[in-house]
Amino acid sequence: MSIKTKIAAAALAALAVTGTMVSTTSQAQAKPPGWVFGVGAGIATAAVVGSAIAASNDPYYYGYHRCGWVAQYNAFGQYVGRVRTCY
């Protein structure tokens, strides 16, 4: 599990616990959802979509990848084969 996934899981767990505590300690009032609900839903949607986009992209440095085949040698300096590297 990557660090981003661990942070997202911890944040989701904290949000669930907080939501549970708030819902059980407040009185039930029937009123239509206001603008606060829209803002909260927008922030949650942006967080989910942003993390999905960030997780789907490979990391890049200086705006582009340079990939190629490089010779690989063992500890004795003998040629072992090629390996694809990106930098």
PDB file of N, CA and C in Angstrom:
ATOM      1  N   MET A   1       0.837  -1.165   0.000  1.00  0.00           N
ATOM      2  CA  MET A   1       0.000   0.000   0.000  1.00  0.00           C
ATOM      3  C   MET A   1       0.888   1.235   0.000  1.00  0.00           C
ATOM      4  N   SER A   2       0.577   2.189  -0.879  1.00  0.00           N
ATOM      5  CA  SER A   2       1.391   3.389  -0.942  1.00  0.00           C
ATOM      6  C   SER A   2       1.020   4.344   0.192  1.00  0.00           C
ATOM      7  N   ILE A   3       1.837   5.342   0.368  1.00  0.00           N
ATOM      8  CA  ILE A   3       1.594   6.314   1.433  1.00  0.00           C
ATOM      9  C   ILE A   3       0.312   7.091   1.164  1.00  0.00           C
ATOM     10  N   LYS A   4       0.069   7.421  -0.120  1.00  0.00           N
ATOM     11  CA  LYS A   4      -1.165   8.138  -0.464  1.00  0.00           C
ATOM     12  C   LYS A   4      -2.390   7.320  -0.089  1.00  0.00           C
ATOM     13  N   THR A   5      -2.349   6.034  -0.359  1.00  0.00           N
ATOM     14  CA  THR A   5      -3.480   5.173  -0.045  1.00  0.00           C
ATOM     15  C   THR A   5      -3.690   5.082   1.460  1.00  0.00           C
ATOM     16  N   LYS A   6      -2.601   4.991   2.210  1.00  0.00           N
ATOM     17  CA  LYS A   6      -2.713   4.931   3.668  1.00  0.00           C
ATOM     18  C   LYS A   6      -3.302   6.217   4.229  1.00  0.00           C
ATOM     19  N   ILE A   7      -2.863   7.357   3.697  1.00  0.00           N
ATOM     20  CA  ILE A   7      -3.389   8.644   4.167  1.00  0.00           C
ATOM     21  C   ILE A   7      -4.866   8.765   3.817  1.00  0.00           C
ATOM     22  N   ALA A   8      -5.237   8.355   2.599  1.00  0.00           N
ATOM     23  CA  ALA A   8      -6.637   8.428   2.194  1.00  0.00           C
ATOM     24  C   ALA A   8      -7.502   7.516   3.059  1.00  0.00           C
ATOM     25  N   ALA A   9      -7.009   6.333   3.379  1.00  0.00           N
ATOM     26  CA  ALA A   9      -7.773   5.411   4.220  1.00  0.00           C
ATOM     27  C   ALA A   9      -7.929   5.967   5.635  1.00  0.00           C
ATOM     28  N   ALA A  10      -6.877   6.562   6.167  1.00  0.00           N
ATOM     29  CA  ALA A  10      -6.955   7.151   7.510  1.00  0.00           C
ATOM     30  C   ALA A  10      -7.911   8.336   7.535  1.00  0.00           C
ATOM     31  N   ALA A  11      -7.884   9.161   6.479  1.00  0.00           N
ATOM     32  CA  ALA A  11      -8.786  10.310   6.411  1.00  0.00           C
ATOM     33  C   ALA A  11     -10.235   9.852   6.299  1.00  0.00           C
ATOM     34  N   LEU A  12     -10.473   8.824   5.500  1.00  0.00           N
ATOM     35  CA  LEU A  12     -11.831   8.299   5.352  1.00  0.00           C
ATOM     36  C   LEU A  12     -12.326   7.703   6.663  1.00  0.00           C
ATOM     37  N   ALA A  13     -11.461   7.001   7.375  1.00  0.00           N
ATOM     38  CA  ALA A  13     -11.849   6.433   8.670  1.00  0.00           C
ATOM     39  C   ALA A  13     -12.152   7.540   9.678  1.00  0.00           C
ATOM     40  N   ALA A  14     -11.327   8.580   9.705  1.00  0.00           N
ATOM     41  CA  ALA A  14     -11.568   9.699  10.620  1.00  0.00           C
ATOM     42  C   ALA A  14     -12.872  10.407  10.283  1.00  0.00           C
ATOM     43  N   LEU A  15     -13.147  10.564   8.985  1.00  0.00           N
ATOM     44  CA  LEU A  15     -14.399  11.188   8.560  1.00  0.00           C
ATOM     45  C   LEU A  15     -15.596  10.344   8.964  1.00  0.00           C
ATOM     46  N   ALA A  16     -15.486   9.044   8.823  1.00  0.00           N
ATOM     47  CA  ALA A  16     -16.585   8.156   9.203  1.00  0.00           C
ATOM     48  C   ALA A  16     -16.838   8.208  10.710  1.00  0.00           C
ATOM     49  N   VAL A  17     -15.782   8.201  11.501  1.00  0.00           N
ATOM     50  CA  VAL A  17     -15.933   8.265  12.955  1.00  0.00           C
ATOM     51  C   VAL A  17     -16.538   9.603  13.364  1.00  0.00           C
ATOM     52  N   THR A  18     -16.061  10.682  12.772  1.00  0.00           N
ATOM     53  CA  THR A  18     -16.594  12.011  13.090  1.00  0.00           C
ATOM     54  C   THR A  18     -18.060  12.111  12.701  1.00  0.00           C
ATOM     55  N   GLY A  19     -18.394  11.608  11.522  1.00  0.00           N
ATOM     56  CA  GLY A  19     -19.788  11.634  11.079  1.00  0.00           C
ATOM     57  C   GLY A  19     -20.690  10.825  11.977  1.00  0.00           C
ATOM     58  N   THR A  20     -20.207   9.711  12.453  1.00  0.00           N
ATOM     59  CA  THR A  20     -20.991   8.879  13.359  1.00  0.00           C
ATOM     60  C   THR A  20     -21.221   9.591  14.685  1.00  0.00           C
ATOM     61  N   MET A  21     -20.188  10.230  15.212  1.00  0.00           N
ATOM     62  CA  MET A  21     -20.329  10.926  16.484  1.00  0.00           C
ATOM     63  C   MET A  21     -21.266  12.125  16.357  1.00  0.00           C
ATOM     64  N   VAL A  22     -21.171  12.848  15.259  1.00  0.00           N
ATOM     65  CA  VAL A  22     -22.029  14.016  15.063  1.00  0.00           C
ATOM     66  C   VAL A  22     -23.478  13.583  14.887  1.00  0.00           C
ATOM     67  N   SER A  23     -23.702  12.514  14.147  1.00  0.00           N
ATOM     68  CA  SER A  23     -25.075  12.093  13.889  1.00  0.00           C
ATOM     69  C   SER A  23     -25.748  11.518  15.135  1.00  0.00           C
ATOM     70  N   THR A  24     -24.983  10.968  16.045  1.00  0.00           N
ATOM     71  CA  THR A  24     -25.595  10.386  17.240  1.00  0.00           C
ATOM     72  C   THR A  24     -25.753  11.392  18.369  1.00  0.00           C
ATOM     73  N   THR A  25     -25.027  12.502  18.350  1.00  0.00           N
ATOM     74  CA  THR A  25     -25.124  13.457  19.453  1.00  0.00           C
ATOM     75  C   THR A  25     -26.054  14.626  19.149  1.00  0.00           C
ATOM     76  N   SER A  26     -26.476  14.797  17.914  1.00  0.00           N
ATOM     77  CA  SER A  26     -27.348  15.921  17.588  1.00  0.00           C
ATOM     78  C   SER A  26     -28.796  15.459  17.484  1.00  0.00           C
ATOM     79  N   GLN A  27     -29.713  16.405  17.651  1.00  0.00           N
ATOM     80  CA  GLN A  27     -31.130  16.089  17.548  1.00  0.00           C
ATOM     81  C   GLN A  27     -31.532  16.023  16.079  1.00  0.00           C
ATOM     82  N   ALA A  28     -32.533  15.213  15.800  1.00  0.00           N
ATOM     83  CA  ALA A  28     -33.012  15.063  14.433  1.00  0.00           C
ATOM     84  C   ALA A  28     -33.906  16.247  14.090  1.00  0.00           C
ATOM     85  N   GLN A  29     -33.593  16.936  13.016  1.00  0.00           N
ATOM     86  CA  GLN A  29     -34.398  18.049  12.542  1.00  0.00           C
ATOM     87  C   GLN A  29     -34.643  17.851  11.056  1.00  0.00           C
ATOM     88  N   ALA A  30     -35.893  17.922  10.667  1.00  0.00           N
ATOM     89  CA  ALA A  30     -36.245  17.748   9.259  1.00  0.00           C
ATOM     90  C   ALA A  30     -36.207  19.105   8.574  1.00  0.00           C
ATOM     91  N   LYS A  31     -35.198  19.335   7.767  1.00  0.00           N
ATOM     92  CA  LYS A  31     -35.115  20.565   6.982  1.00  0.00           C
ATOM     93  C   LYS A  31     -34.342  20.238   5.701  1.00  0.00           C
ATOM     94  N   PRO A  32     -34.581  20.988   4.660  1.00  0.00           N
ATOM     95  CA  PRO A  32     -33.923  20.689   3.385  1.00  0.00           C
ATOM     96  C   PRO A  32     -32.417  20.974   3.463  1.00  0.00           C
ATOM     97  N   PRO A  33     -31.632  20.210   2.712  1.00  0.00           N
ATOM     98  CA  PRO A  33     -30.187  20.466   2.732  1.00  0.00           C
ATOM     99  C   PRO A  33     -29.894  21.831   2.116  1.00  0.00           C
ATOM    100  N   GLY A  34     -29.034  22.567   2.740  1.00  0.00           N
ATOM    101  CA  GLY A  34     -28.711  23.906   2.275  1.00  0.00           C
ATOM    102  C   GLY A  34     -27.459  23.918   1.416  1.00  0.00           C
ATOM    103  N   TRP A  35     -26.874  25.086   1.318  1.00  0.00           N
ATOM    104  CA  TRP A  35     -25.686  25.236   0.489  1.00  0.00           C
ATOM    105  C   TRP A  35     -24.481  24.535   1.097  1.00  0.00           C
ATOM    106  N   VAL A  36     -24.495  24.290   2.397  1.00  0.00           N
ATOM    107  CA  VAL A  36     -23.377  23.610   3.055  1.00  0.00           C
ATOM    108  C   VAL A  36     -23.241  22.183   2.527  1.00  0.00           C
ATOM    109  N   PHE A  37     -24.375  21.528   2.285  1.00  0.00           N
ATOM    110  CA  PHE A  37     -24.349  20.178   1.726  1.00  0.00           C
ATOM    111  C   PHE A  37     -23.695  20.188   0.343  1.00  0.00           C
ATOM    112  N   GLY A  38     -24.016  21.174  -0.470  1.00  0.00           N
ATOM    113  CA  GLY A  38     -23.433  21.273  -1.815  1.00  0.00           C
ATOM    114  C   GLY A  38     -21.931  21.502  -1.777  1.00  0.00           C
ATOM    115  N   VAL A  39     -21.495  22.360  -0.872  1.00  0.00           N
ATOM    116  CA  VAL A  39     -20.064  22.625  -0.743  1.00  0.00           C
ATOM    117  C   VAL A  39     -19.322  21.383  -0.269  1.00  0.00           C
ATOM    118  N   GLY A  40     -19.893  20.693   0.720  1.00  0.00           N
ATOM    119  CA  GLY A  40     -19.263  19.469   1.225  1.00  0.00           C
ATOM    120  C   GLY A  40     -19.190  18.383   0.164  1.00  0.00           C
ATOM    121  N   ALA A  41     -20.283  18.219  -0.593  1.00  0.00           N
ATOM    122  CA  ALA A  41     -20.290  17.215  -1.666  1.00  0.00           C
ATOM    123  C   ALA A  41     -19.290  17.578  -2.754  1.00  0.00           C
ATOM    124  N   GLY A  42     -19.162  18.872  -3.065  1.00  0.00           N
ATOM    125  CA  GLY A  42     -18.192  19.311  -4.076  1.00  0.00           C
ATOM    126  C   GLY A  42     -16.759  19.060  -3.653  1.00  0.00           C
ATOM    127  N   ILE A  43     -16.460  19.330  -2.401  1.00  0.00           N
ATOM    128  CA  ILE A  43     -15.104  19.097  -1.893  1.00  0.00           C
ATOM    129  C   ILE A  43     -14.787  17.603  -1.877  1.00  0.00           C
ATOM    130  N   ALA A  44     -15.747  16.789  -1.452  1.00  0.00           N
ATOM    131  CA  ALA A  44     -15.523  15.340  -1.419  1.00  0.00           C
ATOM    132  C   ALA A  44     -15.333  14.787  -2.828  1.00  0.00           C
ATOM    133  N   THR A  45     -16.150  15.252  -3.771  1.00  0.00           N
ATOM    134  CA  THR A  45     -16.017  14.790  -5.156  1.00  0.00           C
ATOM    135  C   THR A  45     -14.674  15.222  -5.738  1.00  0.00           C
ATOM    136  N   ALA A  46     -14.268  16.447  -5.474  1.00  0.00           N
ATOM    137  CA  ALA A  46     -12.979  16.929  -5.979  1.00  0.00           C
ATOM    138  C   ALA A  46     -11.827  16.121  -5.408  1.00  0.00           C
ATOM    139  N   ALA A  47     -11.929  15.745  -4.142  1.00  0.00           N
ATOM    140  CA  ALA A  47     -10.863  14.945  -3.526  1.00  0.00           C
ATOM    141  C   ALA A  47     -10.779  13.560  -4.153  1.00  0.00           C
ATOM    142  N   VAL A  48     -11.927  12.945  -4.388  1.00  0.00           N
ATOM    143  CA  VAL A  48     -11.941  11.601  -4.989  1.00  0.00           C
ATOM    144  C   VAL A  48     -11.417  11.644  -6.418  1.00  0.00           C
ATOM    145  N   VAL A  49     -11.904  12.596  -7.214  1.00  0.00           N
ATOM    146  CA  VAL A  49     -11.466  12.692  -8.610  1.00  0.00           C
ATOM    147  C   VAL A  49      -9.993  13.077  -8.685  1.00  0.00           C
ATOM    148  N   GLY A  50      -9.554  13.993  -7.841  1.00  0.00           N
ATOM    149  CA  GLY A  50      -8.149  14.397  -7.843  1.00  0.00           C
ATOM    150  C   GLY A  50      -7.214  13.273  -7.476  1.00  0.00           C
ATOM    151  N   SER A  51      -7.607  12.461  -6.460  1.00  0.00           N
ATOM    152  CA  SER A  51      -6.741  11.337  -6.112  1.00  0.00           C
ATOM    153  C   SER A  51      -6.733  10.264  -7.185  1.00  0.00           C
ATOM    154  N   ALA A  52      -7.852  10.079  -7.880  1.00  0.00           N
ATOM    155  CA  ALA A  52      -7.879   9.091  -8.964  1.00  0.00           C
ATOM    156  C   ALA A  52      -6.982   9.531 -10.114  1.00  0.00           C
ATOM    157  N   ILE A  53      -6.997  10.810 -10.442  1.00  0.00           N
ATOM    158  CA  ILE A  53      -6.135  11.317 -11.513  1.00  0.00           C
ATOM    159  C   ILE A  53      -4.669  11.225 -11.101  1.00  0.00           C
ATOM    160  N   ALA A  54      -4.365  11.585  -9.867  1.00  0.00           N
ATOM    161  CA  ALA A  54      -2.977  11.533  -9.408  1.00  0.00           C
ATOM    162  C   ALA A  54      -2.457  10.105  -9.357  1.00  0.00           C
ATOM    163  N   ALA A  55      -3.303   9.150  -8.998  1.00  0.00           N
ATOM    164  CA  ALA A  55      -2.856   7.758  -8.902  1.00  0.00           C
ATOM    165  C   ALA A  55      -2.666   7.130 -10.280  1.00  0.00           C
ATOM    166  N   SER A  56      -3.387   7.627 -11.292  1.00  0.00           N
ATOM    167  CA  SER A  56      -3.300   7.002 -12.607  1.00  0.00           C
ATOM    168  C   SER A  56      -2.082   7.470 -13.401  1.00  0.00           C
ATOM    169  N   ASN A  57      -1.495   8.592 -13.041  1.00  0.00           N
ATOM    170  CA  ASN A  57      -0.353   9.120 -13.779  1.00  0.00           C
ATOM    171  C   ASN A  57       0.956   8.624 -13.193  1.00  0.00           C
ATOM    172  N   ASP A  58       1.908   8.364 -14.079  1.00  0.00           N
ATOM    173  CA  ASP A  58       3.251   8.009 -13.634  1.00  0.00           C
ATOM    174  C   ASP A  58       3.970   9.283 -13.197  1.00  0.00           C
ATOM    175  N   PRO A  59       4.873   9.171 -12.248  1.00  0.00           N
ATOM    176  CA  PRO A  59       5.618  10.369 -11.869  1.00  0.00           C
ATOM    177  C   PRO A  59       6.548  10.801 -13.005  1.00  0.00           C
ATOM    178  N   TYR A  60       6.701  12.073 -13.183  1.00  0.00           N
ATOM    179  CA  TYR A  60       7.609  12.554 -14.209  1.00  0.00           C
ATOM    180  C   TYR A  60       8.413  13.708 -13.642  1.00  0.00           C
ATOM    181  N   TYR A  61       9.565  13.893 -14.189  1.00  0.00           N
ATOM    182  CA  TYR A  61      10.455  14.935 -13.746  1.00  0.00           C
ATOM    183  C   TYR A  61      10.824  15.789 -14.946  1.00  0.00           C
ATOM    184  N   TYR A  62      10.834  17.065 -14.772  1.00  0.00           N
ATOM    185  CA  TYR A  62      11.146  18.022 -15.824  1.00  0.00           C
ATOM    186  C   TYR A  62      10.152  17.930 -16.982  1.00  0.00           C
ATOM    187  N   GLY A  63       8.967  17.386 -16.741  1.00  0.00           N
ATOM    188  CA  GLY A  63       7.915  17.400 -17.734  1.00  0.00           C
ATOM    189  C   GLY A  63       7.899  16.263 -18.729  1.00  0.00           C
ATOM    190  N   TYR A  64       8.877  15.377 -18.765  1.00  0.00           N
ATOM    191  CA  TYR A  64       8.865  14.290 -19.738  1.00  0.00           C
ATOM    192  C   TYR A  64       9.704  13.116 -19.235  1.00  0.00           C
ATOM    193  N   HIS A  65       9.504  11.968 -19.886  1.00  0.00           N
ATOM    194  CA  HIS A  65      10.266  10.764 -19.561  1.00  0.00           C
ATOM    195  C   HIS A  65      11.336  10.541 -20.620  1.00  0.00           C
ATOM    196  N   ARG A  66      12.422   9.981 -20.202  1.00  0.00           N
ATOM    197  CA  ARG A  66      13.425   9.472 -21.133  1.00  0.00           C
ATOM    198  C   ARG A  66      13.626   8.007 -20.782  1.00  0.00           C
ATOM    199  N   CYS A  67      13.257   7.133 -21.688  1.00  0.00           N
ATOM    200  CA  CYS A  67      13.369   5.698 -21.436  1.00  0.00           C
ATOM    201  C   CYS A  67      14.306   5.068 -22.459  1.00  0.00           C
ATOM    202  N   GLY A  68      14.979   4.010 -22.059  1.00  0.00           N
ATOM    203  CA  GLY A  68      15.865   3.306 -22.962  1.00  0.00           C
ATOM    204  C   GLY A  68      16.377   2.028 -22.326  1.00  0.00           C
ATOM    205  N   TRP A  69      17.106   1.262 -23.124  1.00  0.00           N
ATOM    206  CA  TRP A  69      17.665  -0.003 -22.653  1.00  0.00           C
ATOM    207  C   TRP A  69      19.095   0.230 -22.212  1.00  0.00           C
ATOM    208  N   VAL A  70      19.457  -0.301 -21.032  1.00  0.00           N
ATOM    209  CA  VAL A  70      20.793  -0.125 -20.460  1.00  0.00           C
ATOM    210  C   VAL A  70      21.358  -1.503 -20.136  1.00  0.00           C
ATOM    211  N   ALA A  71      22.642  -1.661 -20.403  1.00  0.00           N
ATOM    212  CA  ALA A  71      23.299  -2.936 -20.114  1.00  0.00           C
ATOM    213  C   ALA A  71      23.371  -3.140 -18.601  1.00  0.00           C
ATOM    214  N   GLN A  72      23.202  -4.389 -18.185  1.00  0.00           N
ATOM    215  CA  GLN A  72      23.241  -4.712 -16.761  1.00  0.00           C
ATOM    216  C   GLN A  72      24.391  -5.693 -16.523  1.00  0.00           C
ATOM    217  N   TYR A  73      25.185  -5.434 -15.478  1.00  0.00           N
ATOM    218  CA  TYR A  73      26.341  -6.259 -15.152  1.00  0.00           C
ATOM    219  C   TYR A  73      26.217  -6.786 -13.728  1.00  0.00           C
ATOM    220  N   ASN A  74      26.810  -7.942 -13.483  1.00  0.00           N
ATOM    221  CA  ASN A  74      26.782  -8.485 -12.123  1.00  0.00           C
ATOM    222  C   ASN A  74      27.955  -7.921 -11.313  1.00  0.00           C
ATOM    223  N   ALA A  75      28.149  -8.437 -10.113  1.00  0.00           N
ATOM    224  CA  ALA A  75      29.185  -7.912  -9.220  1.00  0.00           C
ATOM    225  C   ALA A  75      30.593  -8.129  -9.753  1.00  0.00           C
ATOM    226  N   PHE A  76      30.767  -9.086 -10.669  1.00  0.00           N
ATOM    227  CA  PHE A  76      32.088  -9.397 -11.210  1.00  0.00           C
ATOM    228  C   PHE A  76      32.358  -8.674 -12.519  1.00  0.00           C
ATOM    229  N   GLY A  77      31.426  -7.817 -12.960  1.00  0.00           N
ATOM    230  CA  GLY A  77      31.602  -7.061 -14.189  1.00  0.00           C
ATOM    231  C   GLY A  77      31.213  -7.825 -15.427  1.00  0.00           C
ATOM    232  N   GLN A  78      30.551  -8.956 -15.276  1.00  0.00           N
ATOM    233  CA  GLN A  78      30.130  -9.744 -16.433  1.00  0.00           C
ATOM    234  C   GLN A  78      28.762  -9.276 -16.905  1.00  0.00           C
ATOM    235  N   TYR A  79      28.599  -9.213 -18.235  1.00  0.00           N
ATOM    236  CA  TYR A  79      27.345  -8.771 -18.830  1.00  0.00           C
ATOM    237  C   TYR A  79      26.246  -9.781 -18.514  1.00  0.00           C
ATOM    238  N   VAL A  80      25.120  -9.288 -17.991  1.00  0.00           N
ATOM    239  CA  VAL A  80      24.010 -10.161 -17.625  1.00  0.00           C
ATOM    240  C   VAL A  80      22.871 -10.027 -18.620  1.00  0.00           C
ATOM    241  N   GLY A  81      22.620  -8.837 -19.073  1.00  0.00           N
ATOM    242  CA  GLY A  81      21.523  -8.604 -20.006  1.00  0.00           C
ATOM    243  C   GLY A  81      21.175  -7.123 -20.038  1.00  0.00           C
ATOM    244  N   ARG A  82      19.998  -6.841 -20.575  1.00  0.00           N
ATOM    245  CA  ARG A  82      19.552  -5.452 -20.663  1.00  0.00           C
ATOM    246  C   ARG A  82      18.361  -5.243 -19.760  1.00  0.00           C
ATOM    247  N   VAL A  83      18.200  -4.014 -19.330  1.00  0.00           N
ATOM    248  CA  VAL A  83      17.050  -3.648 -18.511  1.00  0.00           C
ATOM    249  C   VAL A  83      16.551  -2.289 -18.993  1.00  0.00           C
ATOM    250  N   ARG A  84      15.238  -2.135 -19.034  1.00  0.00           N
ATOM    251  CA  ARG A  84      14.644  -0.874 -19.484  1.00  0.00           C
ATOM    252  C   ARG A  84      14.604   0.098 -18.305  1.00  0.00           C
ATOM    253  N   THR A  85      15.145   1.286 -18.504  1.00  0.00           N
ATOM    254  CA  THR A  85      15.136   2.295 -17.458  1.00  0.00           C
ATOM    255  C   THR A  85      14.555   3.589 -17.996  1.00  0.00           C
ATOM    256  N   CYS A  86      13.899   4.305 -17.124  1.00  0.00           N
ATOM    257  CA  CYS A  86      13.351   5.615 -17.469  1.00  0.00           C
ATOM    258  C   CYS A  86      13.918   6.635 -16.494  1.00  0.00           C
ATOM    259  N   TYR A  87      14.339   7.735 -17.013  1.00  0.00           N
ATOM    260  CA  TYR A  87      14.872   8.793 -16.162  1.00  0.00           C
ATOM    261  C   TYR A  87      14.393  10.133 -16.644  1.00  0.00           C
TER     262      TYR A  87
END
